[in-house]
Amino acid sequence: MNKSGSFNEYILEDLKTDKDIKEWINIGFEEFLQDNDLNAFVKSLEYAVRAKDSISGMAKKTGISRSNLYAIFNGQQKPQLATALKIIKELGYTVQVA
């Protein structure tokens, strides 16, 4: 197995519960607010999607094509904040400002 496969599996092993996934997304969002790196935040959403659903399932729920989601998650297409918020909503979460 390659190293990135091991890293991906390691992350997904930590995202077993809904609480774990929400905490993961919150950490990613806090980092986004600090460094303004939307690509990194959307990458963190990819792990949440894979832990809770699948790319195909998320594509159906959001109406974003599977190929576009893969391109966004792989950094080949620039994400928009609206896309990230749509994914968060379809995961069953909301965004709150504290």
PDB file of N, CA and C in Angstrom:
ATOM      1  N   MET A   1       0.852  -1.193   0.000  1.00  0.00           N
ATOM      2  CA  MET A   1       0.000   0.000   0.000  1.00  0.00           C
ATOM      3  C   MET A   1       0.885   1.240   0.000  1.00  0.00           C
ATOM      4  N   ASN A   2       0.466   2.270  -0.725  1.00  0.00           N
ATOM      5  CA  ASN A   2       1.261   3.492  -0.773  1.00  0.00           C
ATOM      6  C   ASN A   2       1.023   4.338   0.476  1.00  0.00           C
ATOM      7  N   LYS A   3       1.915   5.307   0.665  1.00  0.00           N
ATOM      8  CA  LYS A   3       1.854   6.125   1.876  1.00  0.00           C
ATOM      9  C   LYS A   3       0.580   6.948   1.954  1.00  0.00           C
ATOM     10  N   SER A   4       0.116   7.498   0.823  1.00  0.00           N
ATOM     11  CA  SER A   4      -1.098   8.311   0.875  1.00  0.00           C
ATOM     12  C   SER A   4      -2.303   7.450   1.216  1.00  0.00           C
ATOM     13  N   GLY A   5      -2.303   6.205   0.747  1.00  0.00           N
ATOM     14  CA  GLY A   5      -3.378   5.287   1.124  1.00  0.00           C
ATOM     15  C   GLY A   5      -3.385   5.060   2.618  1.00  0.00           C
ATOM     16  N   SER A   6      -2.227   4.901   3.205  1.00  0.00           N
ATOM     17  CA  SER A   6      -2.123   4.705   4.645  1.00  0.00           C
ATOM     18  C   SER A   6      -2.612   5.937   5.396  1.00  0.00           C
ATOM     19  N   PHE A   7      -2.221   7.118   4.925  1.00  0.00           N
ATOM     20  CA  PHE A   7      -2.655   8.357   5.567  1.00  0.00           C
ATOM     21  C   PHE A   7      -4.165   8.506   5.473  1.00  0.00           C
ATOM     22  N   ASN A   8      -4.713   8.258   4.287  1.00  0.00           N
ATOM     23  CA  ASN A   8      -6.163   8.361   4.107  1.00  0.00           C
ATOM     24  C   ASN A   8      -6.898   7.395   5.023  1.00  0.00           C
ATOM     25  N   GLU A   9      -6.419   6.177   5.097  1.00  0.00           N
ATOM     26  CA  GLU A   9      -7.050   5.190   5.976  1.00  0.00           C
ATOM     27  C   GLU A   9      -6.939   5.602   7.431  1.00  0.00           C
ATOM     28  N   TYR A  10      -5.804   6.163   7.802  1.00  0.00           N
ATOM     29  CA  TYR A  10      -5.600   6.629   9.174  1.00  0.00           C
ATOM     30  C   TYR A  10      -6.627   7.702   9.542  1.00  0.00           C
ATOM     31  N   ILE A  11      -6.816   8.669   8.660  1.00  0.00           N
ATOM     32  CA  ILE A  11      -7.788   9.737   8.906  1.00  0.00           C
ATOM     33  C   ILE A  11      -9.190   9.150   9.001  1.00  0.00           C
ATOM     34  N   LEU A  12      -9.558   8.309   8.065  1.00  0.00           N
ATOM     35  CA  LEU A  12     -10.907   7.745   8.056  1.00  0.00           C
ATOM     36  C   LEU A  12     -11.168   6.873   9.277  1.00  0.00           C
ATOM     37  N   GLU A  13     -10.145   6.229   9.798  1.00  0.00           N
ATOM     38  CA  GLU A  13     -10.304   5.438  11.026  1.00  0.00           C
ATOM     39  C   GLU A  13     -10.674   6.328  12.213  1.00  0.00           C
ATOM     40  N   ASP A  14     -10.177   7.559  12.206  1.00  0.00           N
ATOM     41  CA  ASP A  14     -10.470   8.509  13.292  1.00  0.00           C
ATOM     42  C   ASP A  14     -11.848   9.148  13.163  1.00  0.00           C
ATOM     43  N   LEU A  15     -12.472   9.041  12.020  1.00  0.00           N
ATOM     44  CA  LEU A  15     -13.766   9.687  11.777  1.00  0.00           C
ATOM     45  C   LEU A  15     -14.888   8.652  11.829  1.00  0.00           C
ATOM     46  N   LYS A  16     -15.024   8.027  12.972  1.00  0.00           N
ATOM     47  CA  LYS A  16     -16.010   6.950  13.113  1.00  0.00           C
ATOM     48  C   LYS A  16     -17.385   7.451  13.544  1.00  0.00           C
ATOM     49  N   THR A  17     -17.427   8.457  14.381  1.00  0.00           N
ATOM     50  CA  THR A  17     -18.712   8.921  14.911  1.00  0.00           C
ATOM     51  C   THR A  17     -19.074  10.284  14.325  1.00  0.00           C
ATOM     52  N   ASP A  18     -20.338  10.616  14.464  1.00  0.00           N
ATOM     53  CA  ASP A  18     -20.804  11.925  14.015  1.00  0.00           C
ATOM     54  C   ASP A  18     -20.053  13.037  14.744  1.00  0.00           C
ATOM     55  N   LYS A  19     -19.783  12.840  16.013  1.00  0.00           N
ATOM     56  CA  LYS A  19     -19.041  13.831  16.802  1.00  0.00           C
ATOM     57  C   LYS A  19     -17.631  14.020  16.236  1.00  0.00           C
ATOM     58  N   ASP A  20     -16.982  12.909  15.879  1.00  0.00           N
ATOM     59  CA  ASP A  20     -15.638  12.985  15.291  1.00  0.00           C
ATOM     60  C   ASP A  20     -15.653  13.782  13.989  1.00  0.00           C
ATOM     61  N   ILE A  21     -16.645  13.519  13.155  1.00  0.00           N
ATOM     62  CA  ILE A  21     -16.742  14.191  11.855  1.00  0.00           C
ATOM     63  C   ILE A  21     -16.996  15.684  12.046  1.00  0.00           C
ATOM     64  N   LYS A  22     -17.902  16.032  12.942  1.00  0.00           N
ATOM     65  CA  LYS A  22     -18.174  17.456  13.201  1.00  0.00           C
ATOM     66  C   LYS A  22     -16.930  18.160  13.721  1.00  0.00           C
ATOM     67  N   GLU A  23     -16.207  17.515  14.622  1.00  0.00           N
ATOM     68  CA  GLU A  23     -14.988  18.120  15.161  1.00  0.00           C
ATOM     69  C   GLU A  23     -13.955  18.316  14.050  1.00  0.00           C
ATOM     70  N   TRP A  24     -13.829  17.330  13.172  1.00  0.00           N
ATOM     71  CA  TRP A  24     -12.907  17.413  12.032  1.00  0.00           C
ATOM     72  C   TRP A  24     -13.257  18.609  11.143  1.00  0.00           C
ATOM     73  N   ILE A  25     -14.544  18.761  10.830  1.00  0.00           N
ATOM     74  CA  ILE A  25     -14.986  19.876   9.988  1.00  0.00           C
ATOM     75  C   ILE A  25     -14.751  21.207  10.692  1.00  0.00           C
ATOM     76  N   ASN A  26     -15.042  21.268  11.975  1.00  0.00           N
ATOM     77  CA  ASN A  26     -14.823  22.506  12.732  1.00  0.00           C
ATOM     78  C   ASN A  26     -13.356  22.907  12.742  1.00  0.00           C
ATOM     79  N   ILE A  27     -12.472  21.942  12.932  1.00  0.00           N
ATOM     80  CA  ILE A  27     -11.036  22.238  12.913  1.00  0.00           C
ATOM     81  C   ILE A  27     -10.632  22.755  11.535  1.00  0.00           C
ATOM     82  N   GLY A  28     -11.103  22.093  10.493  1.00  0.00           N
ATOM     83  CA  GLY A  28     -10.799  22.538   9.134  1.00  0.00           C
ATOM     84  C   GLY A  28     -11.312  23.937   8.862  1.00  0.00           C
ATOM     85  N   PHE A  29     -12.515  24.241   9.363  1.00  0.00           N
ATOM     86  CA  PHE A  29     -13.086  25.568   9.139  1.00  0.00           C
ATOM     87  C   PHE A  29     -12.312  26.635   9.904  1.00  0.00           C
ATOM     88  N   GLU A  30     -11.912  26.327  11.142  1.00  0.00           N
ATOM     89  CA  GLU A  30     -11.111  27.276  11.921  1.00  0.00           C
ATOM     90  C   GLU A  30      -9.785  27.569  11.220  1.00  0.00           C
ATOM     91  N   GLU A  31      -9.168  26.538  10.656  1.00  0.00           N
ATOM     92  CA  GLU A  31      -7.919  26.743   9.918  1.00  0.00           C
ATOM     93  C   GLU A  31      -8.164  27.587   8.670  1.00  0.00           C
ATOM     94  N   PHE A  32      -9.283  27.347   7.988  1.00  0.00           N
ATOM     95  CA  PHE A  32      -9.632  28.146   6.817  1.00  0.00           C
ATOM     96  C   PHE A  32      -9.774  29.620   7.206  1.00  0.00           C
ATOM     97  N   LEU A  33     -10.402  29.896   8.332  1.00  0.00           N
ATOM     98  CA  LEU A  33     -10.571  31.279   8.769  1.00  0.00           C
ATOM     99  C   LEU A  33      -9.231  31.938   9.075  1.00  0.00           C
ATOM    100  N   GLN A  34      -8.248  31.135   9.464  1.00  0.00           N
ATOM    101  CA  GLN A  34      -6.920  31.689   9.764  1.00  0.00           C
ATOM    102  C   GLN A  34      -6.059  31.870   8.522  1.00  0.00           C
ATOM    103  N   ASP A  35      -6.084  30.879   7.624  1.00  0.00           N
ATOM    104  CA  ASP A  35      -5.163  30.942   6.493  1.00  0.00           C
ATOM    105  C   ASP A  35      -5.837  31.203   5.139  1.00  0.00           C
ATOM    106  N   ASN A  36      -7.175  31.228   5.138  1.00  0.00           N
ATOM    107  CA  ASN A  36      -7.945  31.530   3.924  1.00  0.00           C
ATOM    108  C   ASN A  36      -7.681  30.528   2.792  1.00  0.00           C
ATOM    109  N   ASP A  37      -7.310  29.299   3.146  1.00  0.00           N
ATOM    110  CA  ASP A  37      -7.024  28.266   2.153  1.00  0.00           C
ATOM    111  C   ASP A  37      -8.265  27.388   1.984  1.00  0.00           C
ATOM    112  N   LEU A  38      -9.131  27.804   1.062  1.00  0.00           N
ATOM    113  CA  LEU A  38     -10.383  27.082   0.844  1.00  0.00           C
ATOM    114  C   LEU A  38     -10.126  25.684   0.307  1.00  0.00           C
ATOM    115  N   ASN A  39      -9.073  25.505  -0.491  1.00  0.00           N
ATOM    116  CA  ASN A  39      -8.749  24.176  -1.010  1.00  0.00           C
ATOM    117  C   ASN A  39      -8.481  23.187   0.122  1.00  0.00           C
ATOM    118  N   ALA A  40      -7.740  23.611   1.132  1.00  0.00           N
ATOM    119  CA  ALA A  40      -7.436  22.726   2.261  1.00  0.00           C
ATOM    120  C   ALA A  40      -8.704  22.398   3.036  1.00  0.00           C
ATOM    121  N   PHE A  41      -9.575  23.387   3.205  1.00  0.00           N
ATOM    122  CA  PHE A  41     -10.829  23.133   3.918  1.00  0.00           C
ATOM    123  C   PHE A  41     -11.703  22.146   3.151  1.00  0.00           C
ATOM    124  N   VAL A  42     -11.786  22.330   1.847  1.00  0.00           N
ATOM    125  CA  VAL A  42     -12.594  21.424   1.027  1.00  0.00           C
ATOM    126  C   VAL A  42     -11.985  20.018   1.051  1.00  0.00           C
ATOM    127  N   LYS A  43     -10.679  19.919   1.110  1.00  0.00           N
ATOM    128  CA  LYS A  43     -10.028  18.608   1.226  1.00  0.00           C
ATOM    129  C   LYS A  43     -10.441  17.945   2.537  1.00  0.00           C
ATOM    130  N   SER A  44     -10.548  18.720   3.597  1.00  0.00           N
ATOM    131  CA  SER A  44     -11.001  18.136   4.865  1.00  0.00           C
ATOM    132  C   SER A  44     -12.450  17.666   4.748  1.00  0.00           C
ATOM    133  N   LEU A  45     -13.233  18.361   3.947  1.00  0.00           N
ATOM    134  CA  LEU A  45     -14.616  17.923   3.725  1.00  0.00           C
ATOM    135  C   LEU A  45     -14.657  16.592   2.976  1.00  0.00           C
ATOM    136  N   GLU A  46     -13.679  16.375   2.106  1.00  0.00           N
ATOM    137  CA  GLU A  46     -13.637  15.098   1.386  1.00  0.00           C
ATOM    138  C   GLU A  46     -13.573  13.935   2.373  1.00  0.00           C
ATOM    139  N   TYR A  47     -12.749  14.063   3.398  1.00  0.00           N
ATOM    140  CA  TYR A  47     -12.652  12.991   4.395  1.00  0.00           C
ATOM    141  C   TYR A  47     -13.982  12.800   5.118  1.00  0.00           C
ATOM    142  N   ALA A  48     -14.651  13.896   5.424  1.00  0.00           N
ATOM    143  CA  ALA A  48     -15.956  13.802   6.082  1.00  0.00           C
ATOM    144  C   ALA A  48     -16.963  13.105   5.176  1.00  0.00           C
ATOM    145  N   VAL A  49     -16.942  13.436   3.900  1.00  0.00           N
ATOM    146  CA  VAL A  49     -17.847  12.798   2.939  1.00  0.00           C
ATOM    147  C   VAL A  49     -17.565  11.304   2.872  1.00  0.00           C
ATOM    148  N   ARG A  50     -16.305  10.941   2.775  1.00  0.00           N
ATOM    149  CA  ARG A  50     -15.941   9.524   2.673  1.00  0.00           C
ATOM    150  C   ARG A  50     -16.266   8.764   3.965  1.00  0.00           C
ATOM    151  N   ALA A  51     -16.158   9.431   5.098  1.00  0.00           N
ATOM    152  CA  ALA A  51     -16.446   8.773   6.366  1.00  0.00           C
ATOM    153  C   ALA A  51     -17.946   8.572   6.574  1.00  0.00           C
ATOM    154  N   LYS A  52     -18.734   9.501   6.083  1.00  0.00           N
ATOM    155  CA  LYS A  52     -20.173   9.471   6.356  1.00  0.00           C
ATOM    156  C   LYS A  52     -20.996   8.955   5.179  1.00  0.00           C
ATOM    157  N   ASP A  53     -20.478   9.065   3.978  1.00  0.00           N
ATOM    158  CA  ASP A  53     -21.243   8.731   2.787  1.00  0.00           C
ATOM    159  C   ASP A  53     -20.260   8.237   1.724  1.00  0.00           C
ATOM    160  N   SER A  54     -20.376   8.736   0.530  1.00  0.00           N
ATOM    161  CA  SER A  54     -19.444   8.450  -0.562  1.00  0.00           C
ATOM    162  C   SER A  54     -19.461   9.634  -1.514  1.00  0.00           C
ATOM    163  N   ILE A  55     -18.484   9.689  -2.380  1.00  0.00           N
ATOM    164  CA  ILE A  55     -18.448  10.773  -3.364  1.00  0.00           C
ATOM    165  C   ILE A  55     -19.677  10.677  -4.265  1.00  0.00           C
ATOM    166  N   SER A  56     -20.013   9.468  -4.698  1.00  0.00           N
ATOM    167  CA  SER A  56     -21.187   9.282  -5.555  1.00  0.00           C
ATOM    168  C   SER A  56     -22.467   9.698  -4.847  1.00  0.00           C
ATOM    169  N   GLY A  57     -22.592   9.297  -3.587  1.00  0.00           N
ATOM    170  CA  GLY A  57     -23.778   9.663  -2.814  1.00  0.00           C
ATOM    171  C   GLY A  57     -23.888  11.163  -2.630  1.00  0.00           C
ATOM    172  N   MET A  58     -22.758  11.814  -2.365  1.00  0.00           N
ATOM    173  CA  MET A  58     -22.763  13.263  -2.185  1.00  0.00           C
ATOM    174  C   MET A  58     -23.093  13.959  -3.500  1.00  0.00           C
ATOM    175  N   ALA A  59     -22.610  13.417  -4.598  1.00  0.00           N
ATOM    176  CA  ALA A  59     -22.917  14.002  -5.912  1.00  0.00           C
ATOM    177  C   ALA A  59     -24.420  13.993  -6.148  1.00  0.00           C
ATOM    178  N   LYS A  60     -25.061  12.897  -5.843  1.00  0.00           N
ATOM    179  CA  LYS A  60     -26.520  12.804  -6.012  1.00  0.00           C
ATOM    180  C   LYS A  60     -27.250  13.784  -5.108  1.00  0.00           C
ATOM    181  N   LYS A  61     -26.803  13.906  -3.867  1.00  0.00           N
ATOM    182  CA  LYS A  61     -27.485  14.777  -2.902  1.00  0.00           C
ATOM    183  C   LYS A  61     -27.307  16.258  -3.230  1.00  0.00           C
ATOM    184  N   THR A  62     -26.121  16.634  -3.702  1.00  0.00           N
ATOM    185  CA  THR A  62     -25.838  18.052  -3.945  1.00  0.00           C
ATOM    186  C   THR A  62     -26.167  18.505  -5.351  1.00  0.00           C
ATOM    187  N   GLY A  63     -26.273  17.556  -6.275  1.00  0.00           N
ATOM    188  CA  GLY A  63     -26.470  17.916  -7.671  1.00  0.00           C
ATOM    189  C   GLY A  63     -25.182  18.339  -8.353  1.00  0.00           C
ATOM    190  N   ILE A  64     -24.055  18.152  -7.667  1.00  0.00           N
ATOM    191  CA  ILE A  64     -22.740  18.433  -8.246  1.00  0.00           C
ATOM    192  C   ILE A  64     -22.252  17.116  -8.842  1.00  0.00           C
ATOM    193  N   SER A  65     -21.802  17.143 -10.082  1.00  0.00           N
ATOM    194  CA  SER A  65     -21.383  15.888 -10.708  1.00  0.00           C
ATOM    195  C   SER A  65     -20.234  15.256  -9.927  1.00  0.00           C
ATOM    196  N   ARG A  66     -20.196  13.948 -10.002  1.00  0.00           N
ATOM    197  CA  ARG A  66     -19.150  13.198  -9.320  1.00  0.00           C
ATOM    198  C   ARG A  66     -17.773  13.627  -9.814  1.00  0.00           C
ATOM    199  N   SER A  67     -17.644  13.830 -11.120  1.00  0.00           N
ATOM    200  CA  SER A  67     -16.350  14.242 -11.673  1.00  0.00           C
ATOM    201  C   SER A  67     -15.945  15.630 -11.161  1.00  0.00           C
ATOM    202  N   ASN A  68     -16.906  16.533 -11.001  1.00  0.00           N
ATOM    203  CA  ASN A  68     -16.591  17.858 -10.449  1.00  0.00           C
ATOM    204  C   ASN A  68     -16.175  17.748  -8.989  1.00  0.00           C
ATOM    205  N   LEU A  69     -16.855  16.897  -8.225  1.00  0.00           N
ATOM    206  CA  LEU A  69     -16.457  16.723  -6.825  1.00  0.00           C
ATOM    207  C   LEU A  69     -15.037  16.179  -6.735  1.00  0.00           C
ATOM    208  N   TYR A  70     -14.722  15.167  -7.545  1.00  0.00           N
ATOM    209  CA  TYR A  70     -13.356  14.635  -7.542  1.00  0.00           C
ATOM    210  C   TYR A  70     -12.352  15.725  -7.919  1.00  0.00           C
ATOM    211  N   ALA A  71     -12.674  16.527  -8.924  1.00  0.00           N
ATOM    212  CA  ALA A  71     -11.767  17.599  -9.347  1.00  0.00           C
ATOM    213  C   ALA A  71     -11.582  18.630  -8.236  1.00  0.00           C
ATOM    214  N   ILE A  72     -12.644  18.950  -7.534  1.00  0.00           N
ATOM    215  CA  ILE A  72     -12.558  19.900  -6.411  1.00  0.00           C
ATOM    216  C   ILE A  72     -11.720  19.300  -5.292  1.00  0.00           C
ATOM    217  N   PHE A  73     -12.017  18.055  -4.916  1.00  0.00           N
ATOM    218  CA  PHE A  73     -11.300  17.419  -3.805  1.00  0.00           C
ATOM    219  C   PHE A  73      -9.826  17.189  -4.129  1.00  0.00           C
ATOM    220  N   ASN A  74      -9.498  17.001  -5.405  1.00  0.00           N
ATOM    221  CA  ASN A  74      -8.107  16.774  -5.798  1.00  0.00           C
ATOM    222  C   ASN A  74      -7.358  18.055  -6.138  1.00  0.00           C
ATOM    223  N   GLY A  75      -8.015  19.210  -5.976  1.00  0.00           N
ATOM    224  CA  GLY A  75      -7.360  20.488  -6.231  1.00  0.00           C
ATOM    225  C   GLY A  75      -7.226  20.836  -7.700  1.00  0.00           C
ATOM    226  N   GLN A  76      -7.935  20.113  -8.564  1.00  0.00           N
ATOM    227  CA  GLN A  76      -7.867  20.394  -9.998  1.00  0.00           C
ATOM    228  C   GLN A  76      -8.870  21.456 -10.424  1.00  0.00           C
ATOM    229  N   GLN A  77      -9.825  21.721  -9.567  1.00  0.00           N
ATOM    230  CA  GLN A  77     -10.836  22.742  -9.837  1.00  0.00           C
ATOM    231  C   GLN A  77     -10.966  23.603  -8.587  1.00  0.00           C
ATOM    232  N   LYS A  78     -11.013  24.899  -8.781  1.00  0.00           N
ATOM    233  CA  LYS A  78     -11.092  25.813  -7.652  1.00  0.00           C
ATOM    234  C   LYS A  78     -12.487  25.713  -7.005  1.00  0.00           C
ATOM    235  N   PRO A  79     -12.523  25.420  -5.716  1.00  0.00           N
ATOM    236  CA  PRO A  79     -13.823  25.320  -5.046  1.00  0.00           C
ATOM    237  C   PRO A  79     -14.383  26.699  -4.729  1.00  0.00           C
ATOM    238  N   GLN A  80     -15.672  26.733  -4.494  1.00  0.00           N
ATOM    239  CA  GLN A  80     -16.323  27.950  -4.035  1.00  0.00           C
ATOM    240  C   GLN A  80     -16.868  27.684  -2.638  1.00  0.00           C
ATOM    241  N   LEU A  81     -16.961  28.736  -1.848  1.00  0.00           N
ATOM    242  CA  LEU A  81     -17.485  28.583  -0.492  1.00  0.00           C
ATOM    243  C   LEU A  81     -18.902  28.022  -0.529  1.00  0.00           C
ATOM    244  N   ALA A  82     -19.682  28.418  -1.514  1.00  0.00           N
ATOM    245  CA  ALA A  82     -21.055  27.915  -1.629  1.00  0.00           C
ATOM    246  C   ALA A  82     -21.065  26.397  -1.802  1.00  0.00           C
ATOM    247  N   THR A  83     -20.090  25.868  -2.521  1.00  0.00           N
ATOM    248  CA  THR A  83     -19.988  24.420  -2.700  1.00  0.00           C
ATOM    249  C   THR A  83     -19.680  23.747  -1.372  1.00  0.00           C
ATOM    250  N   ALA A  84     -18.737  24.304  -0.627  1.00  0.00           N
ATOM    251  CA  ALA A  84     -18.386  23.746   0.684  1.00  0.00           C
ATOM    252  C   ALA A  84     -19.590  23.762   1.617  1.00  0.00           C
ATOM    253  N   LEU A  85     -20.338  24.852   1.602  1.00  0.00           N
ATOM    254  CA  LEU A  85     -21.514  24.950   2.464  1.00  0.00           C
ATOM    255  C   LEU A  85     -22.594  23.963   2.050  1.00  0.00           C
ATOM    256  N   LYS A  86     -22.731  23.731   0.755  1.00  0.00           N
ATOM    257  CA  LYS A  86     -23.710  22.753   0.263  1.00  0.00           C
ATOM    258  C   LYS A  86     -23.342  21.345   0.737  1.00  0.00           C
ATOM    259  N   ILE A  87     -22.056  21.034   0.694  1.00  0.00           N
ATOM    260  CA  ILE A  87     -21.587  19.726   1.158  1.00  0.00           C
ATOM    261  C   ILE A  87     -21.845  19.576   2.652  1.00  0.00           C
ATOM    262  N   ILE A  88     -21.539  20.611   3.416  1.00  0.00           N
ATOM    263  CA  ILE A  88     -21.767  20.568   4.861  1.00  0.00           C
ATOM    264  C   ILE A  88     -23.245  20.340   5.153  1.00  0.00           C
ATOM    265  N   LYS A  89     -24.093  21.041   4.438  1.00  0.00           N
ATOM    266  CA  LYS A  89     -25.540  20.890   4.630  1.00  0.00           C
ATOM    267  C   LYS A  89     -25.991  19.463   4.325  1.00  0.00           C
ATOM    268  N   GLU A  90     -25.507  18.900   3.230  1.00  0.00           N
ATOM    269  CA  GLU A  90     -25.905  17.553   2.848  1.00  0.00           C
ATOM    270  C   GLU A  90     -25.312  16.490   3.773  1.00  0.00           C
ATOM    271  N   LEU A  91     -24.247  16.824   4.479  1.00  0.00           N
ATOM    272  CA  LEU A  91     -23.733  15.920   5.502  1.00  0.00           C
ATOM    273  C   LEU A  91     -24.615  15.935   6.742  1.00  0.00           C
ATOM    274  N   GLY A  92     -25.502  16.926   6.799  1.00  0.00           N
ATOM    275  CA  GLY A  92     -26.431  17.019   7.928  1.00  0.00           C
ATOM    276  C   GLY A  92     -26.009  18.012   8.997  1.00  0.00           C
ATOM    277  N   TYR A  93     -25.099  18.907   8.640  1.00  0.00           N
ATOM    278  CA  TYR A  93     -24.575  19.872   9.612  1.00  0.00           C
ATOM    279  C   TYR A  93     -24.954  21.298   9.204  1.00  0.00           C
ATOM    280  N   THR A  94     -24.762  22.208  10.128  1.00  0.00           N
ATOM    281  CA  THR A  94     -24.953  23.625   9.869  1.00  0.00           C
ATOM    282  C   THR A  94     -23.679  24.361  10.247  1.00  0.00           C
ATOM    283  N   VAL A  95     -23.543  25.563   9.757  1.00  0.00           N
ATOM    284  CA  VAL A  95     -22.411  26.403  10.109  1.00  0.00           C
ATOM    285  C   VAL A  95     -22.920  27.489  11.045  1.00  0.00           C
ATOM    286  N   GLN A  96     -22.215  27.647  12.162  1.00  0.00           N
ATOM    287  CA  GLN A  96     -22.588  28.674  13.128  1.00  0.00           C
ATOM    288  C   GLN A  96     -21.406  29.589  13.367  1.00  0.00           C
ATOM    289  N   VAL A  97     -21.710  30.843  13.582  1.00  0.00           N
ATOM    290  CA  VAL A  97     -20.672  31.808  13.907  1.00  0.00           C
ATOM    291  C   VAL A  97     -20.725  32.023  15.418  1.00  0.00           C
ATOM    292  N   ALA A  98     -19.605  31.834  16.052  1.00  0.00           N
ATOM    293  CA  ALA A  98     -19.575  31.960  17.516  1.00  0.00           C
ATOM    294  C   ALA A  98     -18.828  33.206  17.921  1.00  0.00           C
TER     295      ALA A  98
END
